[in-house]
Amino acid sequence: MGIWSVVVGSTALGIALSFGGFLHVEDVGYLATFYLNLIGAATIILPLPGVLAACVAAESSFGLNPVLIGLAGAAGATIGETTAYLAGYAGHNAATNFRWYPRIHDLMERHGSVTLFLVSVIPTPFFDLAGIAAGALNYPFRKFMIYVFAGKTIRLIIMAYACRQGIEWLRTIYEFNLPIG
């Protein structure tokens, strides 16, 4: 019950801050990256692009560290991903209607840690199915959090560096006034 309170409370606070106009990445930095990733990950089956917050935050003029962007975003995303775990733990069977759920459930049974880590690192729409399967299988919650956090951290650090480099590349193109398209 305590984890539900943390997830629901954090998500509600993040949504309130976002709609209140307080979560502009350029103004809040790491906190906005945390909450926007939390909100993006908290939606089950239809994820919102929280990773874009890490990409925007990586813009070099904001002066944010890409590693810290990745850590902040991963912390938010990991908390947000617990909604899928808790849905599976509570016994909601809505995911069984998805074509890929039996395969993901089987992978979670046989290779839970590796499956969680890989679906956290690799951008895939299957994370929620893995999270639901983890909860349904009573996969240890602490291990769930560790593997998801590790995977999301790596993913978001890579995204932050890639976005920063891409933004710099675009600046170089426009500085030389090269025609695009």
N, C-alpha and C. Protein backbone atom coordinates (compact mmCIF):
# COMPACT_ATOMS: atom_id res chain seq x y z
N MET A 1 0.83 -1.19 0.00
CA MET A 1 0.00 0.00 0.00
C MET A 1 0.87 1.25 0.00
N GLY A 2 2.01 1.20 0.67
CA GLY A 2 2.90 2.35 0.75
C GLY A 2 3.44 2.76 -0.60
N ILE A 3 3.80 1.76 -1.44
CA ILE A 3 4.36 2.09 -2.75
C ILE A 3 3.29 2.72 -3.64
N TRP A 4 2.04 2.26 -3.51
CA TRP A 4 0.94 2.89 -4.25
C TRP A 4 0.85 4.37 -3.89
N SER A 5 0.97 4.66 -2.62
CA SER A 5 0.89 6.05 -2.17
C SER A 5 2.00 6.89 -2.77
N VAL A 6 3.22 6.35 -2.80
CA VAL A 6 4.35 7.08 -3.37
C VAL A 6 4.14 7.31 -4.86
N VAL A 7 3.74 6.27 -5.58
CA VAL A 7 3.54 6.39 -7.03
C VAL A 7 2.42 7.36 -7.35
N VAL A 8 1.28 7.17 -6.71
CA VAL A 8 0.13 8.04 -6.98
C VAL A 8 0.44 9.48 -6.57
N GLY A 9 1.04 9.65 -5.38
CA GLY A 9 1.37 11.00 -4.91
C GLY A 9 2.37 11.69 -5.80
N SER A 10 3.43 10.99 -6.18
CA SER A 10 4.45 11.58 -7.06
C SER A 10 3.88 11.91 -8.43
N THR A 11 3.06 11.01 -8.95
CA THR A 11 2.46 11.26 -10.26
C THR A 11 1.51 12.46 -10.19
N ALA A 12 0.69 12.52 -9.16
CA ALA A 12 -0.24 13.64 -9.01
C ALA A 12 0.52 14.96 -8.88
N LEU A 13 1.59 14.95 -8.09
CA LEU A 13 2.40 16.15 -7.92
C LEU A 13 3.04 16.56 -9.25
N GLY A 14 3.56 15.59 -9.97
CA GLY A 14 4.17 15.88 -11.27
C GLY A 14 3.17 16.45 -12.26
N ILE A 15 1.98 15.87 -12.31
CA ILE A 15 0.95 16.37 -13.21
C ILE A 15 0.53 17.78 -12.81
N ALA A 16 0.36 18.01 -11.51
CA ALA A 16 -0.02 19.35 -11.04
C ALA A 16 1.06 20.37 -11.38
N LEU A 17 2.32 20.02 -11.17
CA LEU A 17 3.41 20.93 -11.51
C LEU A 17 3.46 21.19 -13.02
N SER A 18 3.23 20.14 -13.79
CA SER A 18 3.26 20.29 -15.25
C SER A 18 2.14 21.20 -15.74
N PHE A 19 0.92 20.92 -15.31
CA PHE A 19 -0.21 21.75 -15.74
C PHE A 19 -0.16 23.15 -15.14
N GLY A 20 0.50 23.29 -14.01
CA GLY A 20 0.64 24.60 -13.39
C GLY A 20 1.73 25.43 -14.04
N GLY A 21 2.42 24.86 -15.02
CA GLY A 21 3.45 25.60 -15.74
C GLY A 21 4.78 25.65 -15.01
N PHE A 22 4.99 24.76 -14.04
CA PHE A 22 6.21 24.79 -13.25
C PHE A 22 7.26 23.78 -13.73
N LEU A 23 6.95 22.97 -14.72
CA LEU A 23 7.88 21.94 -15.16
C LEU A 23 8.44 22.20 -16.54
N HIS A 24 8.97 23.35 -16.74
CA HIS A 24 9.68 23.64 -17.98
C HIS A 24 11.12 23.19 -17.78
N VAL A 25 11.58 22.29 -18.64
CA VAL A 25 12.91 21.71 -18.47
C VAL A 25 13.97 22.78 -18.35
N GLU A 26 13.85 23.82 -19.16
CA GLU A 26 14.89 24.84 -19.14
C GLU A 26 14.90 25.63 -17.84
N ASP A 27 13.78 25.64 -17.11
CA ASP A 27 13.71 26.38 -15.85
C ASP A 27 14.05 25.51 -14.64
N VAL A 28 13.61 24.29 -14.65
CA VAL A 28 13.73 23.44 -13.48
C VAL A 28 14.83 22.40 -13.61
N GLY A 29 15.20 22.04 -14.81
CA GLY A 29 16.30 21.13 -15.06
C GLY A 29 16.06 19.70 -14.63
N TYR A 30 16.82 19.26 -13.65
CA TYR A 30 16.78 17.86 -13.24
C TYR A 30 15.41 17.48 -12.67
N LEU A 31 14.79 18.36 -11.91
CA LEU A 31 13.48 18.07 -11.31
C LEU A 31 12.44 17.86 -12.41
N ALA A 32 12.44 18.71 -13.41
CA ALA A 32 11.49 18.54 -14.51
C ALA A 32 11.76 17.25 -15.26
N THR A 33 13.02 16.92 -15.46
CA THR A 33 13.37 15.67 -16.14
C THR A 33 12.85 14.48 -15.33
N PHE A 34 13.02 14.54 -14.01
CA PHE A 34 12.51 13.49 -13.13
C PHE A 34 11.00 13.34 -13.29
N TYR A 35 10.27 14.43 -13.10
CA TYR A 35 8.81 14.34 -13.11
C TYR A 35 8.23 14.05 -14.49
N LEU A 36 8.81 14.59 -15.53
CA LEU A 36 8.28 14.31 -16.87
C LEU A 36 8.52 12.85 -17.25
N ASN A 37 9.62 12.26 -16.80
CA ASN A 37 9.84 10.84 -17.03
C ASN A 37 8.92 10.00 -16.16
N LEU A 38 8.66 10.44 -14.94
CA LEU A 38 7.73 9.73 -14.07
C LEU A 38 6.34 9.70 -14.71
N ILE A 39 5.88 10.85 -15.16
CA ILE A 39 4.55 10.92 -15.78
C ILE A 39 4.51 10.07 -17.05
N GLY A 40 5.56 10.17 -17.86
CA GLY A 40 5.60 9.40 -19.10
C GLY A 40 5.59 7.91 -18.87
N ALA A 41 6.26 7.45 -17.82
CA ALA A 41 6.35 6.02 -17.55
C ALA A 41 5.13 5.50 -16.78
N ALA A 42 4.43 6.36 -16.09
CA ALA A 42 3.31 5.92 -15.25
C ALA A 42 2.11 5.49 -16.07
N THR A 43 2.04 5.91 -17.33
CA THR A 43 0.92 5.48 -18.16
C THR A 43 1.18 4.06 -18.62
N ILE A 44 0.20 3.21 -18.49
CA ILE A 44 0.36 1.80 -18.86
C ILE A 44 -0.14 1.60 -20.28
N ILE A 45 0.61 0.87 -21.05
CA ILE A 45 0.36 0.46 -22.43
C ILE A 45 0.54 1.61 -23.42
N LEU A 46 0.13 2.81 -23.10
CA LEU A 46 0.29 3.94 -24.01
C LEU A 46 1.26 4.93 -23.39
N PRO A 47 2.58 4.67 -23.53
CA PRO A 47 3.56 5.54 -22.88
C PRO A 47 3.61 6.93 -23.49
N LEU A 48 3.83 7.89 -22.64
CA LEU A 48 4.05 9.25 -23.09
C LEU A 48 5.56 9.45 -23.21
N PRO A 49 6.02 10.32 -24.08
CA PRO A 49 7.45 10.44 -24.36
C PRO A 49 8.24 11.21 -23.28
N GLY A 50 8.40 10.62 -22.11
CA GLY A 50 9.19 11.25 -21.05
C GLY A 50 10.66 11.39 -21.43
N VAL A 51 11.10 10.52 -22.33
CA VAL A 51 12.50 10.56 -22.76
C VAL A 51 12.82 11.88 -23.45
N LEU A 52 11.81 12.54 -24.01
CA LEU A 52 12.05 13.82 -24.66
C LEU A 52 12.52 14.88 -23.66
N ALA A 53 12.11 14.74 -22.41
CA ALA A 53 12.57 15.69 -21.38
C ALA A 53 14.08 15.60 -21.23
N ALA A 54 14.61 14.38 -21.27
CA ALA A 54 16.06 14.20 -21.16
C ALA A 54 16.75 14.79 -22.38
N CYS A 55 16.13 14.67 -23.51
CA CYS A 55 16.71 15.20 -24.75
C CYS A 55 16.74 16.73 -24.71
N VAL A 56 15.65 17.33 -24.30
CA VAL A 56 15.60 18.79 -24.22
C VAL A 56 16.58 19.29 -23.15
N ALA A 57 16.60 18.63 -22.01
CA ALA A 57 17.49 19.05 -20.92
C ALA A 57 18.95 18.98 -21.31
N ALA A 58 19.28 18.13 -22.28
CA ALA A 58 20.67 17.95 -22.69
C ALA A 58 21.20 19.11 -23.52
N GLU A 59 20.33 20.00 -23.94
CA GLU A 59 20.78 21.15 -24.73
C GLU A 59 21.87 21.88 -23.94
N SER A 60 23.02 22.06 -24.54
CA SER A 60 24.21 22.52 -23.82
C SER A 60 24.06 23.88 -23.15
N SER A 61 23.23 24.76 -23.67
CA SER A 61 23.10 26.08 -23.06
C SER A 61 22.43 26.03 -21.68
N PHE A 62 21.75 24.92 -21.35
CA PHE A 62 21.15 24.79 -20.03
C PHE A 62 22.19 24.46 -18.97
N GLY A 63 23.35 23.96 -19.41
CA GLY A 63 24.43 23.67 -18.48
C GLY A 63 24.21 22.45 -17.60
N LEU A 64 23.33 21.55 -18.01
CA LEU A 64 23.07 20.35 -17.22
C LEU A 64 24.00 19.21 -17.62
N ASN A 65 24.36 18.39 -16.68
CA ASN A 65 25.23 17.25 -16.90
C ASN A 65 24.42 16.08 -17.46
N PRO A 66 24.80 15.52 -18.63
CA PRO A 66 24.03 14.41 -19.21
C PRO A 66 23.93 13.18 -18.30
N VAL A 67 24.95 12.91 -17.51
CA VAL A 67 24.88 11.77 -16.59
C VAL A 67 23.83 12.03 -15.51
N LEU A 68 23.80 13.24 -14.97
CA LEU A 68 22.80 13.57 -13.96
C LEU A 68 21.40 13.65 -14.57
N ILE A 69 21.31 14.08 -15.82
CA ILE A 69 20.03 14.05 -16.53
C ILE A 69 19.53 12.61 -16.60
N GLY A 70 20.42 11.70 -16.97
CA GLY A 70 20.06 10.29 -17.06
C GLY A 70 19.64 9.71 -15.72
N LEU A 71 20.35 10.06 -14.67
CA LEU A 71 20.01 9.56 -13.34
C LEU A 71 18.67 10.11 -12.86
N ALA A 72 18.44 11.40 -13.06
CA ALA A 72 17.18 12.02 -12.63
C ALA A 72 16.01 11.43 -13.42
N GLY A 73 16.18 11.34 -14.73
CA GLY A 73 15.12 10.78 -15.55
C GLY A 73 14.85 9.33 -15.23
N ALA A 74 15.91 8.56 -15.00
CA ALA A 74 15.76 7.13 -14.68
C ALA A 74 15.05 6.95 -13.34
N ALA A 75 15.36 7.80 -12.37
CA ALA A 75 14.67 7.69 -11.07
C ALA A 75 13.17 7.93 -11.26
N GLY A 76 12.81 8.95 -12.01
CA GLY A 76 11.39 9.21 -12.26
C GLY A 76 10.74 8.10 -13.06
N ALA A 77 11.40 7.65 -14.12
CA ALA A 77 10.84 6.59 -14.96
C ALA A 77 10.67 5.29 -14.17
N THR A 78 11.63 4.97 -13.31
CA THR A 78 11.55 3.75 -12.52
C THR A 78 10.35 3.79 -11.59
N ILE A 79 10.15 4.90 -10.93
CA ILE A 79 8.98 5.03 -10.05
C ILE A 79 7.71 4.93 -10.89
N GLY A 80 7.70 5.59 -12.04
CA GLY A 80 6.53 5.54 -12.91
C GLY A 80 6.23 4.14 -13.42
N GLU A 81 7.27 3.37 -13.70
CA GLU A 81 7.08 2.01 -14.22
C GLU A 81 6.47 1.06 -13.19
N THR A 82 6.49 1.45 -11.94
CA THR A 82 5.88 0.58 -10.92
C THR A 82 4.38 0.43 -11.11
N THR A 83 3.76 1.32 -11.88
CA THR A 83 2.32 1.18 -12.12
C THR A 83 2.03 -0.13 -12.86
N ALA A 84 2.88 -0.49 -13.83
CA ALA A 84 2.69 -1.75 -14.55
C ALA A 84 2.91 -2.93 -13.60
N TYR A 85 3.97 -2.87 -12.80
CA TYR A 85 4.26 -3.93 -11.85
C TYR A 85 3.07 -4.11 -10.89
N LEU A 86 2.58 -3.02 -10.36
CA LEU A 86 1.49 -3.08 -9.40
C LEU A 86 0.19 -3.56 -10.03
N ALA A 87 -0.02 -3.23 -11.30
CA ALA A 87 -1.20 -3.73 -12.01
C ALA A 87 -1.13 -5.25 -12.12
N GLY A 88 0.04 -5.77 -12.46
CA GLY A 88 0.20 -7.22 -12.53
C GLY A 88 0.09 -7.88 -11.16
N TYR A 89 0.66 -7.25 -10.17
CA TYR A 89 0.62 -7.77 -8.80
C TYR A 89 -0.81 -7.82 -8.28
N ALA A 90 -1.61 -6.83 -8.66
CA ALA A 90 -3.00 -6.77 -8.21
C ALA A 90 -3.88 -7.76 -8.97
N GLY A 91 -3.33 -8.37 -10.02
CA GLY A 91 -4.06 -9.40 -10.73
C GLY A 91 -4.87 -8.92 -11.90
N HIS A 92 -4.60 -7.74 -12.41
CA HIS A 92 -5.32 -7.26 -13.58
C HIS A 92 -4.84 -8.03 -14.80
N ASN A 93 -5.78 -8.61 -15.50
CA ASN A 93 -5.45 -9.46 -16.63
C ASN A 93 -5.64 -8.78 -17.98
N ALA A 94 -5.74 -7.47 -18.00
CA ALA A 94 -5.97 -6.76 -19.27
C ALA A 94 -4.84 -7.01 -20.26
N ALA A 95 -3.63 -7.20 -19.78
CA ALA A 95 -2.49 -7.40 -20.68
C ALA A 95 -2.56 -8.71 -21.42
N THR A 96 -3.30 -9.69 -20.90
CA THR A 96 -3.36 -10.99 -21.56
C THR A 96 -4.02 -10.90 -22.92
N ASN A 97 -4.72 -9.82 -23.21
CA ASN A 97 -5.35 -9.62 -24.52
C ASN A 97 -4.35 -9.21 -25.58
N PHE A 98 -3.16 -8.77 -25.18
CA PHE A 98 -2.15 -8.36 -26.14
C PHE A 98 -1.43 -9.58 -26.69
N ARG A 99 -1.21 -9.57 -27.98
CA ARG A 99 -0.61 -10.71 -28.67
C ARG A 99 0.74 -11.11 -28.09
N TRP A 100 1.55 -10.15 -27.67
CA TRP A 100 2.91 -10.44 -27.22
C TRP A 100 2.99 -10.80 -25.74
N TYR A 101 1.92 -10.64 -24.98
CA TYR A 101 2.00 -10.88 -23.54
C TYR A 101 2.45 -12.30 -23.18
N PRO A 102 1.90 -13.35 -23.80
CA PRO A 102 2.36 -14.70 -23.41
C PRO A 102 3.88 -14.88 -23.58
N ARG A 103 4.43 -14.32 -24.64
CA ARG A 103 5.88 -14.45 -24.88
C ARG A 103 6.67 -13.67 -23.83
N ILE A 104 6.23 -12.45 -23.54
CA ILE A 104 6.91 -11.63 -22.53
C ILE A 104 6.78 -12.29 -21.15
N HIS A 105 5.61 -12.82 -20.85
CA HIS A 105 5.39 -13.51 -19.57
C HIS A 105 6.35 -14.70 -19.45
N ASP A 106 6.49 -15.45 -20.54
CA ASP A 106 7.40 -16.59 -20.55
C ASP A 106 8.85 -16.14 -20.34
N LEU A 107 9.25 -15.07 -21.01
CA LEU A 107 10.61 -14.54 -20.82
C LEU A 107 10.82 -14.09 -19.38
N MET A 108 9.82 -13.47 -18.78
CA MET A 108 9.93 -13.03 -17.38
C MET A 108 10.06 -14.23 -16.45
N GLU A 109 9.35 -15.31 -16.74
CA GLU A 109 9.46 -16.52 -15.91
C GLU A 109 10.85 -17.13 -15.98
N ARG A 110 11.41 -17.18 -17.17
CA ARG A 110 12.69 -17.85 -17.37
C ARG A 110 13.89 -16.95 -17.15
N HIS A 111 13.80 -15.68 -17.54
CA HIS A 111 14.94 -14.76 -17.50
C HIS A 111 14.50 -13.39 -17.03
N GLY A 112 13.90 -13.32 -15.86
CA GLY A 112 13.30 -12.08 -15.38
C GLY A 112 14.24 -10.90 -15.34
N SER A 113 15.40 -11.07 -14.74
CA SER A 113 16.33 -9.95 -14.58
C SER A 113 16.82 -9.43 -15.93
N VAL A 114 17.21 -10.34 -16.80
CA VAL A 114 17.71 -9.95 -18.12
C VAL A 114 16.60 -9.30 -18.94
N THR A 115 15.41 -9.86 -18.86
CA THR A 115 14.28 -9.30 -19.61
C THR A 115 13.99 -7.88 -19.16
N LEU A 116 13.90 -7.66 -17.85
CA LEU A 116 13.63 -6.32 -17.32
C LEU A 116 14.71 -5.33 -17.73
N PHE A 117 15.96 -5.75 -17.61
CA PHE A 117 17.06 -4.88 -17.97
C PHE A 117 17.00 -4.49 -19.44
N LEU A 118 16.81 -5.49 -20.32
CA LEU A 118 16.81 -5.23 -21.76
C LEU A 118 15.63 -4.36 -22.20
N VAL A 119 14.43 -4.62 -21.66
CA VAL A 119 13.30 -3.79 -22.07
C VAL A 119 13.39 -2.39 -21.47
N SER A 120 14.26 -2.22 -20.48
CA SER A 120 14.49 -0.89 -19.92
C SER A 120 15.54 -0.12 -20.72
N VAL A 121 16.53 -0.81 -21.24
CA VAL A 121 17.59 -0.16 -22.02
C VAL A 121 17.14 0.12 -23.44
N ILE A 122 16.53 -0.87 -24.06
CA ILE A 122 16.14 -0.77 -25.47
C ILE A 122 14.77 -0.10 -25.56
N PRO A 123 14.67 0.96 -26.36
CA PRO A 123 13.34 1.57 -26.53
C PRO A 123 12.37 0.57 -27.16
N THR A 124 11.41 0.14 -26.40
CA THR A 124 10.45 -0.86 -26.86
C THR A 124 9.09 -0.61 -26.24
N PRO A 125 8.04 -0.92 -26.96
CA PRO A 125 6.70 -0.76 -26.37
C PRO A 125 6.32 -1.89 -25.43
N PHE A 126 7.22 -2.86 -25.23
CA PHE A 126 6.89 -4.03 -24.44
C PHE A 126 7.19 -3.90 -22.96
N PHE A 127 7.72 -2.75 -22.52
CA PHE A 127 8.06 -2.66 -21.11
C PHE A 127 6.86 -2.88 -20.21
N ASP A 128 5.75 -2.26 -20.53
CA ASP A 128 4.58 -2.39 -19.66
C ASP A 128 4.14 -3.84 -19.54
N LEU A 129 4.24 -4.59 -20.63
CA LEU A 129 3.89 -6.01 -20.57
C LEU A 129 4.85 -6.76 -19.65
N ALA A 130 6.13 -6.43 -19.72
CA ALA A 130 7.11 -7.07 -18.83
C ALA A 130 6.86 -6.67 -17.38
N GLY A 131 6.53 -5.41 -17.15
CA GLY A 131 6.23 -4.95 -15.80
C GLY A 131 5.01 -5.64 -15.23
N ILE A 132 3.96 -5.78 -16.05
CA ILE A 132 2.75 -6.48 -15.60
C ILE A 132 3.07 -7.94 -15.31
N ALA A 133 3.85 -8.57 -16.19
CA ALA A 133 4.23 -9.97 -15.96
C ALA A 133 5.06 -10.11 -14.69
N ALA A 134 5.97 -9.15 -14.45
CA ALA A 134 6.78 -9.20 -13.22
C ALA A 134 5.90 -9.15 -11.98
N GLY A 135 4.93 -8.27 -11.98
CA GLY A 135 4.01 -8.19 -10.84
C GLY A 135 3.18 -9.45 -10.70
N ALA A 136 2.67 -9.96 -11.82
CA ALA A 136 1.84 -11.17 -11.79
C ALA A 136 2.63 -12.38 -11.30
N LEU A 137 3.92 -12.40 -11.59
CA LEU A 137 4.78 -13.52 -11.17
C LEU A 137 5.38 -13.31 -9.78
N ASN A 138 5.00 -12.23 -9.12
CA ASN A 138 5.58 -11.88 -7.81
C ASN A 138 7.10 -11.78 -7.86
N TYR A 139 7.59 -11.26 -8.99
CA TYR A 139 9.02 -11.02 -9.11
C TYR A 139 9.41 -10.06 -7.99
N PRO A 140 10.54 -10.30 -7.31
CA PRO A 140 10.89 -9.43 -6.18
C PRO A 140 10.94 -7.95 -6.56
N PHE A 141 10.17 -7.15 -5.84
CA PHE A 141 10.03 -5.74 -6.16
C PHE A 141 11.37 -5.01 -6.13
N ARG A 142 12.21 -5.30 -5.16
CA ARG A 142 13.52 -4.65 -5.06
C ARG A 142 14.36 -4.93 -6.31
N LYS A 143 14.36 -6.18 -6.77
CA LYS A 143 15.10 -6.52 -7.98
C LYS A 143 14.49 -5.82 -9.19
N PHE A 144 13.17 -5.75 -9.23
CA PHE A 144 12.49 -5.03 -10.31
C PHE A 144 13.01 -3.60 -10.38
N MET A 145 13.04 -2.93 -9.25
CA MET A 145 13.48 -1.53 -9.21
C MET A 145 14.95 -1.41 -9.63
N ILE A 146 15.80 -2.30 -9.17
CA ILE A 146 17.23 -2.23 -9.48
C ILE A 146 17.48 -2.40 -10.98
N TYR A 147 16.88 -3.44 -11.59
CA TYR A 147 17.13 -3.71 -13.00
C TYR A 147 16.50 -2.64 -13.90
N VAL A 148 15.33 -2.18 -13.53
CA VAL A 148 14.69 -1.13 -14.32
C VAL A 148 15.50 0.17 -14.21
N PHE A 149 15.92 0.52 -13.00
CA PHE A 149 16.70 1.74 -12.83
C PHE A 149 18.02 1.66 -13.60
N ALA A 150 18.70 0.53 -13.54
CA ALA A 150 19.96 0.37 -14.26
C ALA A 150 19.75 0.54 -15.77
N GLY A 151 18.74 -0.12 -16.30
CA GLY A 151 18.47 -0.03 -17.73
C GLY A 151 18.04 1.36 -18.17
N LYS A 152 17.15 1.96 -17.41
CA LYS A 152 16.67 3.31 -17.75
C LYS A 152 17.82 4.33 -17.64
N THR A 153 18.70 4.15 -16.66
CA THR A 153 19.83 5.08 -16.51
C THR A 153 20.72 5.03 -17.75
N ILE A 154 21.08 3.84 -18.17
CA ILE A 154 21.92 3.70 -19.36
C ILE A 154 21.23 4.31 -20.57
N ARG A 155 19.96 3.98 -20.75
CA ARG A 155 19.20 4.50 -21.89
C ARG A 155 19.14 6.02 -21.90
N LEU A 156 18.84 6.62 -20.77
CA LEU A 156 18.67 8.06 -20.73
C LEU A 156 20.00 8.81 -20.80
N ILE A 157 21.06 8.24 -20.27
CA ILE A 157 22.37 8.87 -20.43
C ILE A 157 22.77 8.86 -21.91
N ILE A 158 22.57 7.73 -22.57
CA ILE A 158 22.87 7.65 -24.00
C ILE A 158 22.02 8.66 -24.78
N MET A 159 20.74 8.74 -24.44
CA MET A 159 19.85 9.68 -25.12
C MET A 159 20.29 11.12 -24.88
N ALA A 160 20.67 11.44 -23.65
CA ALA A 160 21.10 12.81 -23.34
C ALA A 160 22.34 13.18 -24.15
N TYR A 161 23.33 12.29 -24.18
CA TYR A 161 24.54 12.57 -24.96
C TYR A 161 24.23 12.64 -26.46
N ALA A 162 23.38 11.73 -26.95
CA ALA A 162 23.04 11.73 -28.37
C ALA A 162 22.29 13.00 -28.76
N CYS A 163 21.37 13.41 -27.91
CA CYS A 163 20.62 14.64 -28.21
C CYS A 163 21.53 15.85 -28.17
N ARG A 164 22.41 15.89 -27.17
CA ARG A 164 23.33 17.02 -27.09
C ARG A 164 24.18 17.09 -28.35
N GLN A 165 24.69 15.95 -28.78
CA GLN A 165 25.53 15.92 -29.98
C GLN A 165 24.72 16.29 -31.21
N GLY A 166 23.49 15.80 -31.29
CA GLY A 166 22.63 16.13 -32.42
C GLY A 166 22.30 17.60 -32.49
N ILE A 167 22.04 18.21 -31.35
CA ILE A 167 21.76 19.64 -31.31
C ILE A 167 22.98 20.43 -31.75
N GLU A 168 24.15 20.03 -31.28
CA GLU A 168 25.39 20.71 -31.70
C GLU A 168 25.63 20.54 -33.19
N TRP A 169 25.33 19.37 -33.71
CA TRP A 169 25.49 19.11 -35.13
C TRP A 169 24.57 20.02 -35.95
N LEU A 170 23.30 20.13 -35.51
CA LEU A 170 22.37 21.02 -36.20
C LEU A 170 22.81 22.48 -36.14
N ARG A 171 23.36 22.88 -35.00
CA ARG A 171 23.87 24.26 -34.88
C ARG A 171 24.99 24.49 -35.90
N THR A 172 25.87 23.52 -36.05
CA THR A 172 26.97 23.63 -36.99
C THR A 172 26.44 23.77 -38.42
N ILE A 173 25.44 22.99 -38.75
CA ILE A 173 24.86 23.07 -40.10
C ILE A 173 24.28 24.45 -40.34
N TYR A 174 23.52 24.94 -39.39
CA TYR A 174 22.88 26.24 -39.58
C TYR A 174 23.87 27.40 -39.51
N GLU A 175 24.96 27.25 -38.78
CA GLU A 175 25.98 28.31 -38.74
C GLU A 175 26.63 28.49 -40.10
N PHE A 176 26.77 27.40 -40.83
CA PHE A 176 27.37 27.48 -42.15
C PHE A 176 26.33 27.75 -43.23
N ASN A 177 25.07 27.89 -42.82
CA ASN A 177 23.96 28.20 -43.73
C ASN A 177 23.84 27.18 -44.85
N LEU A 178 24.03 25.91 -44.51
CA LEU A 178 23.87 24.86 -45.52
C LEU A 178 22.38 24.63 -45.77
N PRO A 179 22.01 24.42 -47.02
CA PRO A 179 20.60 24.15 -47.31
C PRO A 179 20.22 22.78 -46.78
N ILE A 180 19.09 22.73 -46.13
CA ILE A 180 18.57 21.46 -45.60
C ILE A 180 17.39 21.04 -46.47
N GLY A 181 17.36 19.77 -46.83
CA GLY A 181 16.22 19.24 -47.56
C GLY A 181 16.46 19.26 -48.96
